[in-house]
């Protein structure tokens, strides 16, 4: 169970969160519901349990499919009539440097982590522009801020960083904000094995983060308190890349 300190900060807002059946996405869904939002949980794996917990809607969703993105938008509008926020959280990780990564792995990671984010922003933009309001939060990574021996993952997260800046410039005139969050080592299934020495030696705070600690930053960006925050990157890494 996750607890949010600012109850009601998302009252009445409709938020779509991808990859929300577990881990960081699940934490974000719970926090959003606790803050008063109506939450649409999407994932390629079953997320009915999360939707039930947050009193929201689950939609089966492959983020690499534009047709499925159109379905998510339509079902959300049918259920709630508007879309106030999108958290592009879905992503996959595989290690592998330039000499080890395969072409198939590279293309798969780019398709999910990069193309999926592009399709998501494109899918909700028309609705948000018509509303003259909206907040898109793209989950990048510290791998989108520095080099990492996982070339496909790093390439995808650098792309998310850059696409966020580009979309923020285009959509800002319509009062639609686009920002990126860059987590470091987070306690989820994607946490690499055998990183204890890295955390001890390179993370000033000497620990990993709970998924809630990333989620709280996402909630801020979704809410009205961040009404003039656009095109920003917020790093949540305990000082790892400071």
C-alpha atoms as a PDB file:
ATOM      1  CA  UNK A   1       0.000   0.000   0.000  1.00  0.00           C
ATOM      2  CA  UNK A   2       1.225   3.476  -0.869  1.00  0.00           C
ATOM      3  CA  UNK A   3       0.268   6.691   0.865  1.00  0.00           C
ATOM      4  CA  UNK A   4       0.147  10.171  -0.609  1.00  0.00           C
ATOM      5  CA  UNK A   5       0.727  13.186   1.578  1.00  0.00           C
ATOM      6  CA  UNK A   6      -1.413  15.657  -0.427  1.00  0.00           C
ATOM      7  CA  UNK A   7      -4.934  14.306  -0.567  1.00  0.00           C
ATOM      8  CA  UNK A   8      -7.239  15.964  -3.099  1.00  0.00           C
ATOM      9  CA  UNK A   9      -4.536  17.569  -5.248  1.00  0.00           C
ATOM     10  CA  UNK A  10      -5.852  15.746  -8.335  1.00  0.00           C
ATOM     11  CA  UNK A  11      -9.571  16.003  -7.536  1.00  0.00           C
ATOM     12  CA  UNK A  12     -11.693  15.459 -10.635  1.00  0.00           C
ATOM     13  CA  UNK A  13      -8.762  14.841 -12.969  1.00  0.00           C
ATOM     14  CA  UNK A  14      -8.730  11.841 -15.318  1.00  0.00           C
ATOM     15  CA  UNK A  15      -5.286  10.260 -15.532  1.00  0.00           C
ATOM     16  CA  UNK A  16      -4.092   7.482 -17.863  1.00  0.00           C
ATOM     17  CA  UNK A  17      -1.086   5.520 -16.584  1.00  0.00           C
ATOM     18  CA  UNK A  18       0.594   2.949 -18.815  1.00  0.00           C
ATOM     19  CA  UNK A  19       2.444  -0.085 -17.497  1.00  0.00           C
ATOM     20  CA  UNK A  20       0.439   0.281 -14.293  1.00  0.00           C
ATOM     21  CA  UNK A  21      -0.195  -3.365 -13.410  1.00  0.00           C
ATOM     22  CA  UNK A  22       2.837  -3.542 -11.126  1.00  0.00           C
ATOM     23  CA  UNK A  23       5.912  -1.725  -9.865  1.00  0.00           C
ATOM     24  CA  UNK A  24       6.284   1.981 -10.398  1.00  0.00           C
ATOM     25  CA  UNK A  25       3.146   2.257 -12.524  1.00  0.00           C
ATOM     26  CA  UNK A  26       1.058   0.612  -9.834  1.00  0.00           C
ATOM     27  CA  UNK A  27       2.477   3.003  -7.223  1.00  0.00           C
ATOM     28  CA  UNK A  28       1.571   5.951  -9.436  1.00  0.00           C
ATOM     29  CA  UNK A  29      -1.960   4.655  -9.960  1.00  0.00           C
ATOM     30  CA  UNK A  30      -2.562   4.271  -6.220  1.00  0.00           C
ATOM     31  CA  UNK A  31      -1.120   7.696  -5.436  1.00  0.00           C
ATOM     32  CA  UNK A  32      -3.216   9.338  -8.162  1.00  0.00           C
ATOM     33  CA  UNK A  33      -6.404   7.750  -6.832  1.00  0.00           C
ATOM     34  CA  UNK A  34      -5.544   8.813  -3.286  1.00  0.00           C
ATOM     35  CA  UNK A  35      -5.062  12.358  -4.588  1.00  0.00           C
ATOM     36  CA  UNK A  36      -8.596  12.308  -6.012  1.00  0.00           C
ATOM     37  CA  UNK A  37      -8.065  11.337  -9.650  1.00  0.00           C
ATOM     38  CA  UNK A  38     -10.053   8.945 -11.779  1.00  0.00           C
ATOM     39  CA  UNK A  39      -7.403   6.503 -12.949  1.00  0.00           C
ATOM     40  CA  UNK A  40      -7.200   4.517 -16.174  1.00  0.00           C
ATOM     41  CA  UNK A  41      -4.780   1.617 -15.730  1.00  0.00           C
ATOM     42  CA  UNK A  42      -3.284   0.237 -18.935  1.00  0.00           C
ATOM     43  CA  UNK A  43      -0.827  -2.606 -19.424  1.00  0.00           C
ATOM     44  CA  UNK A  44      -0.022  -5.502 -21.702  1.00  0.00           C
ATOM     45  CA  UNK A  45      -0.439  -7.769 -18.650  1.00  0.00           C
ATOM     46  CA  UNK A  46      -3.586  -8.011 -16.564  1.00  0.00           C
ATOM     47  CA  UNK A  47      -4.125  -5.018 -14.304  1.00  0.00           C
ATOM     48  CA  UNK A  48      -7.672  -5.620 -13.121  1.00  0.00           C
ATOM     49  CA  UNK A  49      -6.441  -5.932  -9.522  1.00  0.00           C
ATOM     50  CA  UNK A  50      -4.927  -2.437  -9.639  1.00  0.00           C
ATOM     51  CA  UNK A  51      -8.007  -0.930 -11.293  1.00  0.00           C
ATOM     52  CA  UNK A  52     -10.167  -2.503  -8.570  1.00  0.00           C
ATOM     53  CA  UNK A  53      -7.909  -1.142  -5.834  1.00  0.00           C
ATOM     54  CA  UNK A  54      -8.026   2.403  -7.215  1.00  0.00           C
ATOM     55  CA  UNK A  55     -11.667   2.305  -8.284  1.00  0.00           C
ATOM     56  CA  UNK A  56     -10.686   2.946 -11.872  1.00  0.00           C
ATOM     57  CA  UNK A  57     -10.743   1.375 -15.315  1.00  0.00           C
ATOM     58  CA  UNK A  58      -8.374  -1.228 -16.737  1.00  0.00           C
ATOM     59  CA  UNK A  59      -7.675  -1.393 -20.479  1.00  0.00           C
ATOM     60  CA  UNK A  60      -5.450  -4.066 -22.010  1.00  0.00           C
ATOM     61  CA  UNK A  61      -2.884  -2.147 -23.995  1.00  0.00           C
ATOM     62  CA  UNK A  62       0.199  -2.675 -26.125  1.00  0.00           C
ATOM     63  CA  UNK A  63       1.846   0.762 -26.231  1.00  0.00           C
ATOM     64  CA  UNK A  64       3.531  -0.013 -29.560  1.00  0.00           C
ATOM     65  CA  UNK A  65       0.155  -0.089 -31.341  1.00  0.00           C
ATOM     66  CA  UNK A  66      -1.416   3.167 -32.549  1.00  0.00           C
ATOM     67  CA  UNK A  67      -4.749   1.360 -32.902  1.00  0.00           C
ATOM     68  CA  UNK A  68      -4.636   0.324 -29.249  1.00  0.00           C
ATOM     69  CA  UNK A  69      -3.741   3.865 -28.224  1.00  0.00           C
ATOM     70  CA  UNK A  70      -6.815   5.108 -30.087  1.00  0.00           C
ATOM     71  CA  UNK A  71      -8.862   2.519 -28.199  1.00  0.00           C
ATOM     72  CA  UNK A  72      -7.490   3.705 -24.840  1.00  0.00           C
ATOM     73  CA  UNK A  73      -8.337   7.326 -25.620  1.00  0.00           C
ATOM     74  CA  UNK A  74     -11.854   6.483 -26.829  1.00  0.00           C
ATOM     75  CA  UNK A  75     -12.661   4.246 -23.852  1.00  0.00           C
ATOM     76  CA  UNK A  76     -11.362   6.881 -21.459  1.00  0.00           C
ATOM     77  CA  UNK A  77     -13.499   9.571 -23.074  1.00  0.00           C
ATOM     78  CA  UNK A  78     -16.526   7.270 -23.100  1.00  0.00           C
ATOM     79  CA  UNK A  79     -16.095   6.543 -19.389  1.00  0.00           C
ATOM     80  CA  UNK A  80     -15.047   9.969 -18.073  1.00  0.00           C
ATOM     81  CA  UNK A  81     -15.475  12.558 -20.828  1.00  0.00           C
ATOM     82  CA  UNK A  82     -11.983  14.064 -20.645  1.00  0.00           C
ATOM     83  CA  UNK A  83      -8.266  13.323 -20.275  1.00  0.00           C
ATOM     84  CA  UNK A  84      -6.282  15.529 -17.912  1.00  0.00           C
ATOM     85  CA  UNK A  85      -3.079  13.566 -17.573  1.00  0.00           C
ATOM     86  CA  UNK A  86      -1.000  10.865 -19.201  1.00  0.00           C
ATOM     87  CA  UNK A  87       1.892   9.087 -17.525  1.00  0.00           C
ATOM     88  CA  UNK A  88       3.981   7.282 -20.134  1.00  0.00           C
ATOM     89  CA  UNK A  89       5.360   4.768 -17.657  1.00  0.00           C
ATOM     90  CA  UNK A  90       5.467   1.505 -19.648  1.00  0.00           C
ATOM     91  CA  UNK A  91       8.968   0.363 -20.483  1.00  0.00           C
ATOM     92  CA  UNK A  92      11.329  -2.578 -20.706  1.00  0.00           C
ATOM     93  CA  UNK A  93      14.987  -3.018 -19.778  1.00  0.00           C
ATOM     94  CA  UNK A  94      17.740  -5.269 -21.078  1.00  0.00           C
ATOM     95  CA  UNK A  95      21.482  -4.878 -20.493  1.00  0.00           C
ATOM     96  CA  UNK A  96      23.913  -5.057 -23.370  1.00  0.00           C
ATOM     97  CA  UNK A  97      26.600  -2.728 -24.609  1.00  0.00           C
ATOM     98  CA  UNK A  98      27.521  -1.946 -28.206  1.00  0.00           C
ATOM     99  CA  UNK A  99      29.324  -5.268 -28.687  1.00  0.00           C
ATOM    100  CA  UNK A 100      26.691  -7.446 -26.974  1.00  0.00           C
ATOM    101  CA  UNK A 101      23.244  -6.064 -27.798  1.00  0.00           C
ATOM    102  CA  UNK A 102      21.415  -7.760 -30.651  1.00  0.00           C
ATOM    103  CA  UNK A 103      19.513  -5.941 -33.367  1.00  0.00           C
ATOM    104  CA  UNK A 104      16.278  -7.643 -32.299  1.00  0.00           C
ATOM    105  CA  UNK A 105      16.708  -6.515 -28.691  1.00  0.00           C
ATOM    106  CA  UNK A 106      17.561  -2.981 -29.783  1.00  0.00           C
ATOM    107  CA  UNK A 107      14.485  -2.705 -31.991  1.00  0.00           C
ATOM    108  CA  UNK A 108      12.195  -4.167 -29.316  1.00  0.00           C
ATOM    109  CA  UNK A 109      13.346  -1.724 -26.638  1.00  0.00           C
ATOM    110  CA  UNK A 110      13.128   1.269 -28.969  1.00  0.00           C
ATOM    111  CA  UNK A 111       9.628   0.202 -30.030  1.00  0.00           C
ATOM    112  CA  UNK A 112       8.298   0.009 -26.472  1.00  0.00           C
ATOM    113  CA  UNK A 113      10.263   2.740 -24.702  1.00  0.00           C
ATOM    114  CA  UNK A 114      10.507   5.338 -27.465  1.00  0.00           C
ATOM    115  CA  UNK A 115       7.816   4.717 -30.068  1.00  0.00           C
ATOM    116  CA  UNK A 116       5.303   3.888 -27.328  1.00  0.00           C
ATOM    117  CA  UNK A 117       5.884   7.289 -25.711  1.00  0.00           C
ATOM    118  CA  UNK A 118       5.565   9.079 -29.059  1.00  0.00           C
ATOM    119  CA  UNK A 119       2.289   7.296 -29.818  1.00  0.00           C
ATOM    120  CA  UNK A 120       0.947   8.098 -26.359  1.00  0.00           C
ATOM    121  CA  UNK A 121       1.681  11.807 -26.609  1.00  0.00           C
ATOM    122  CA  UNK A 122       0.194  11.901 -30.089  1.00  0.00           C
ATOM    123  CA  UNK A 123      -2.925  10.001 -29.025  1.00  0.00           C
ATOM    124  CA  UNK A 124      -3.914  12.330 -26.169  1.00  0.00           C
ATOM    125  CA  UNK A 125      -2.798  15.621 -27.709  1.00  0.00           C
ATOM    126  CA  UNK A 126      -5.950  16.322 -29.732  1.00  0.00           C
ATOM    127  CA  UNK A 127      -8.159  15.949 -26.668  1.00  0.00           C
ATOM    128  CA  UNK A 128      -5.875  18.024 -24.453  1.00  0.00           C
ATOM    129  CA  UNK A 129      -5.559  20.781 -27.057  1.00  0.00           C
ATOM    130  CA  UNK A 130      -9.357  20.942 -27.374  1.00  0.00           C
ATOM    131  CA  UNK A 131      -9.644  21.183 -23.579  1.00  0.00           C
ATOM    132  CA  UNK A 132      -6.847  23.780 -23.471  1.00  0.00           C
ATOM    133  CA  UNK A 133      -5.320  21.866 -20.577  1.00  0.00           C
ATOM    134  CA  UNK A 134      -3.373  18.726 -19.806  1.00  0.00           C
ATOM    135  CA  UNK A 135      -0.198  17.298 -18.345  1.00  0.00           C
ATOM    136  CA  UNK A 136       1.955  14.594 -19.914  1.00  0.00           C
ATOM    137  CA  UNK A 137       4.644  12.989 -17.772  1.00  0.00           C
ATOM    138  CA  UNK A 138       7.176  10.825 -19.596  1.00  0.00           C
ATOM    139  CA  UNK A 139       9.194   8.411 -17.477  1.00  0.00           C
ATOM    140  CA  UNK A 140      12.755   8.494 -18.752  1.00  0.00           C
ATOM    141  CA  UNK A 141      15.707   7.429 -16.591  1.00  0.00           C
ATOM    142  CA  UNK A 142      19.117   8.553 -15.407  1.00  0.00           C
ATOM    143  CA  UNK A 143      20.112   6.522 -18.477  1.00  0.00           C
ATOM    144  CA  UNK A 144      18.579   9.390 -20.451  1.00  0.00           C
ATOM    145  CA  UNK A 145      21.026  11.810 -18.812  1.00  0.00           C
ATOM    146  CA  UNK A 146      24.359   9.936 -18.996  1.00  0.00           C
ATOM    147  CA  UNK A 147      26.041   6.977 -20.665  1.00  0.00           C
ATOM    148  CA  UNK A 148      25.097   3.452 -19.585  1.00  0.00           C
ATOM    149  CA  UNK A 149      26.299   0.016 -20.625  1.00  0.00           C
ATOM    150  CA  UNK A 150      22.846  -0.836 -21.977  1.00  0.00           C
ATOM    151  CA  UNK A 151      22.843   0.876 -25.328  1.00  0.00           C
ATOM    152  CA  UNK A 152      19.271   0.186 -26.435  1.00  0.00           C
ATOM    153  CA  UNK A 153      17.797   1.229 -23.100  1.00  0.00           C
ATOM    154  CA  UNK A 154      19.964   4.356 -22.947  1.00  0.00           C
ATOM    155  CA  UNK A 155      19.111   5.275 -26.531  1.00  0.00           C
ATOM    156  CA  UNK A 156      15.401   4.945 -25.805  1.00  0.00           C
ATOM    157  CA  UNK A 157      15.562   7.017 -22.628  1.00  0.00           C
ATOM    158  CA  UNK A 158      17.642   9.769 -24.256  1.00  0.00           C
ATOM    159  CA  UNK A 159      14.962   9.829 -26.960  1.00  0.00           C
ATOM    160  CA  UNK A 160      12.219  10.227 -24.352  1.00  0.00           C
ATOM    161  CA  UNK A 161      14.197  13.124 -22.866  1.00  0.00           C
ATOM    162  CA  UNK A 162      14.453  14.824 -26.259  1.00  0.00           C
ATOM    163  CA  UNK A 163      10.877  14.130 -27.351  1.00  0.00           C
ATOM    164  CA  UNK A 164       9.646  15.639 -24.095  1.00  0.00           C
ATOM    165  CA  UNK A 165      11.443  18.903 -24.827  1.00  0.00           C
ATOM    166  CA  UNK A 166      10.093  18.974 -28.371  1.00  0.00           C
ATOM    167  CA  UNK A 167       6.506  18.228 -27.339  1.00  0.00           C
ATOM    168  CA  UNK A 168       6.675  20.813 -24.555  1.00  0.00           C
ATOM    169  CA  UNK A 169       7.564  23.501 -27.076  1.00  0.00           C
ATOM    170  CA  UNK A 170       4.755  22.473 -29.433  1.00  0.00           C
ATOM    171  CA  UNK A 171       1.974  21.945 -26.906  1.00  0.00           C
ATOM    172  CA  UNK A 172       2.767  24.657 -24.385  1.00  0.00           C
ATOM    173  CA  UNK A 173       0.788  27.270 -26.329  1.00  0.00           C
ATOM    174  CA  UNK A 174      -2.304  25.136 -25.750  1.00  0.00           C
ATOM    175  CA  UNK A 175      -1.738  24.970 -21.971  1.00  0.00           C
ATOM    176  CA  UNK A 176      -0.594  21.362 -22.276  1.00  0.00           C
ATOM    177  CA  UNK A 177       2.547  20.695 -20.248  1.00  0.00           C
ATOM    178  CA  UNK A 178       5.060  17.936 -21.020  1.00  0.00           C
ATOM    179  CA  UNK A 179       7.798  16.973 -18.557  1.00  0.00           C
ATOM    180  CA  UNK A 180      10.122  14.036 -17.966  1.00  0.00           C
ATOM    181  CA  UNK A 181      11.082  12.199 -14.780  1.00  0.00           C
ATOM    182  CA  UNK A 182      14.462  10.461 -14.566  1.00  0.00           C
ATOM    183  CA  UNK A 183      14.571   7.757 -11.874  1.00  0.00           C
ATOM    184  CA  UNK A 184      17.758   6.136 -10.679  1.00  0.00           C
ATOM    185  CA  UNK A 185      17.796   2.808  -8.824  1.00  0.00           C
ATOM    186  CA  UNK A 186      14.189   2.050  -7.881  1.00  0.00           C
ATOM    187  CA  UNK A 187      12.910  -0.990  -6.013  1.00  0.00           C
ATOM    188  CA  UNK A 188      10.970  -2.646  -8.844  1.00  0.00           C
ATOM    189  CA  UNK A 189      11.330  -5.765 -10.993  1.00  0.00           C
ATOM    190  CA  UNK A 190      13.537  -3.732 -13.360  1.00  0.00           C
ATOM    191  CA  UNK A 191      16.212  -3.129 -10.716  1.00  0.00           C
ATOM    192  CA  UNK A 192      19.412  -4.738 -12.056  1.00  0.00           C
ATOM    193  CA  UNK A 193      20.899  -7.557 -10.036  1.00  0.00           C
ATOM    194  CA  UNK A 194      24.223  -7.176  -8.263  1.00  0.00           C
ATOM    195  CA  UNK A 195      24.244  -3.392  -7.944  1.00  0.00           C
ATOM    196  CA  UNK A 196      24.814  -3.215  -4.213  1.00  0.00           C
ATOM    197  CA  UNK A 197      28.399  -1.971  -4.583  1.00  0.00           C
ATOM    198  CA  UNK A 198      27.332   0.631  -7.139  1.00  0.00           C
ATOM    199  CA  UNK A 199      24.735   1.990  -4.742  1.00  0.00           C
ATOM    200  CA  UNK A 200      27.166   1.986  -1.832  1.00  0.00           C
ATOM    201  CA  UNK A 201      29.935   3.711  -3.779  1.00  0.00           C
ATOM    202  CA  UNK A 202      28.113   5.998  -6.224  1.00  0.00           C
ATOM    203  CA  UNK A 203      24.738   6.957  -4.736  1.00  0.00           C
ATOM    204  CA  UNK A 204      25.277   9.685  -2.113  1.00  0.00           C
ATOM    205  CA  UNK A 205      22.088   8.707  -0.256  1.00  0.00           C
ATOM    206  CA  UNK A 206      23.397   5.124  -0.027  1.00  0.00           C
ATOM    207  CA  UNK A 207      20.106   3.421  -0.882  1.00  0.00           C
ATOM    208  CA  UNK A 208      17.617   2.614  -3.599  1.00  0.00           C
ATOM    209  CA  UNK A 209      14.293   4.461  -3.819  1.00  0.00           C
ATOM    210  CA  UNK A 210      10.800   3.213  -3.164  1.00  0.00           C
ATOM    211  CA  UNK A 211       8.537   3.476  -6.196  1.00  0.00           C
ATOM    212  CA  UNK A 212       6.375   5.893  -4.188  1.00  0.00           C
ATOM    213  CA  UNK A 213       9.250   8.390  -4.121  1.00  0.00           C
ATOM    214  CA  UNK A 214       9.142   8.592  -7.902  1.00  0.00           C
ATOM    215  CA  UNK A 215       5.357   8.581  -7.852  1.00  0.00           C
ATOM    216  CA  UNK A 216       5.180  11.658  -5.639  1.00  0.00           C
ATOM    217  CA  UNK A 217       7.184  13.632  -8.213  1.00  0.00           C
ATOM    218  CA  UNK A 218       4.829  12.439 -10.943  1.00  0.00           C
ATOM    219  CA  UNK A 219       1.821  13.546  -8.870  1.00  0.00           C
ATOM    220  CA  UNK A 220       3.321  17.024  -8.534  1.00  0.00           C
ATOM    221  CA  UNK A 221       3.764  17.307 -12.303  1.00  0.00           C
ATOM    222  CA  UNK A 222       0.193  16.141 -12.932  1.00  0.00           C
ATOM    223  CA  UNK A 223      -1.261  18.656 -10.502  1.00  0.00           C
ATOM    224  CA  UNK A 224      -2.021  22.352 -10.665  1.00  0.00           C
ATOM    225  CA  UNK A 225       0.906  23.186  -8.368  1.00  0.00           C
ATOM    226  CA  UNK A 226       3.124  22.540 -11.415  1.00  0.00           C
ATOM    227  CA  UNK A 227       1.064  24.814 -13.677  1.00  0.00           C
ATOM    228  CA  UNK A 228       4.146  26.644 -15.033  1.00  0.00           C
ATOM    229  CA  UNK A 229       6.473  23.636 -15.187  1.00  0.00           C
ATOM    230  CA  UNK A 230       6.904  22.665 -18.827  1.00  0.00           C
ATOM    231  CA  UNK A 231       9.762  20.984 -20.665  1.00  0.00           C
ATOM    232  CA  UNK A 232      11.563  20.168 -17.424  1.00  0.00           C
ATOM    233  CA  UNK A 233      13.463  17.054 -16.433  1.00  0.00           C
ATOM    234  CA  UNK A 234      13.313  16.032 -12.789  1.00  0.00           C
ATOM    235  CA  UNK A 235      15.958  13.593 -11.593  1.00  0.00           C
ATOM    236  CA  UNK A 236      15.027  11.202  -8.776  1.00  0.00           C
ATOM    237  CA  UNK A 237      18.250   9.310  -8.126  1.00  0.00           C
ATOM    238  CA  UNK A 238      19.569  10.093  -4.646  1.00  0.00           C
ATOM    239  CA  UNK A 239      22.365  12.132  -6.196  1.00  0.00           C
ATOM    240  CA  UNK A 240      23.742   9.359  -8.442  1.00  0.00           C
ATOM    241  CA  UNK A 241      24.525  11.614 -11.409  1.00  0.00           C
ATOM    242  CA  UNK A 242      25.154  14.808  -9.423  1.00  0.00           C
END
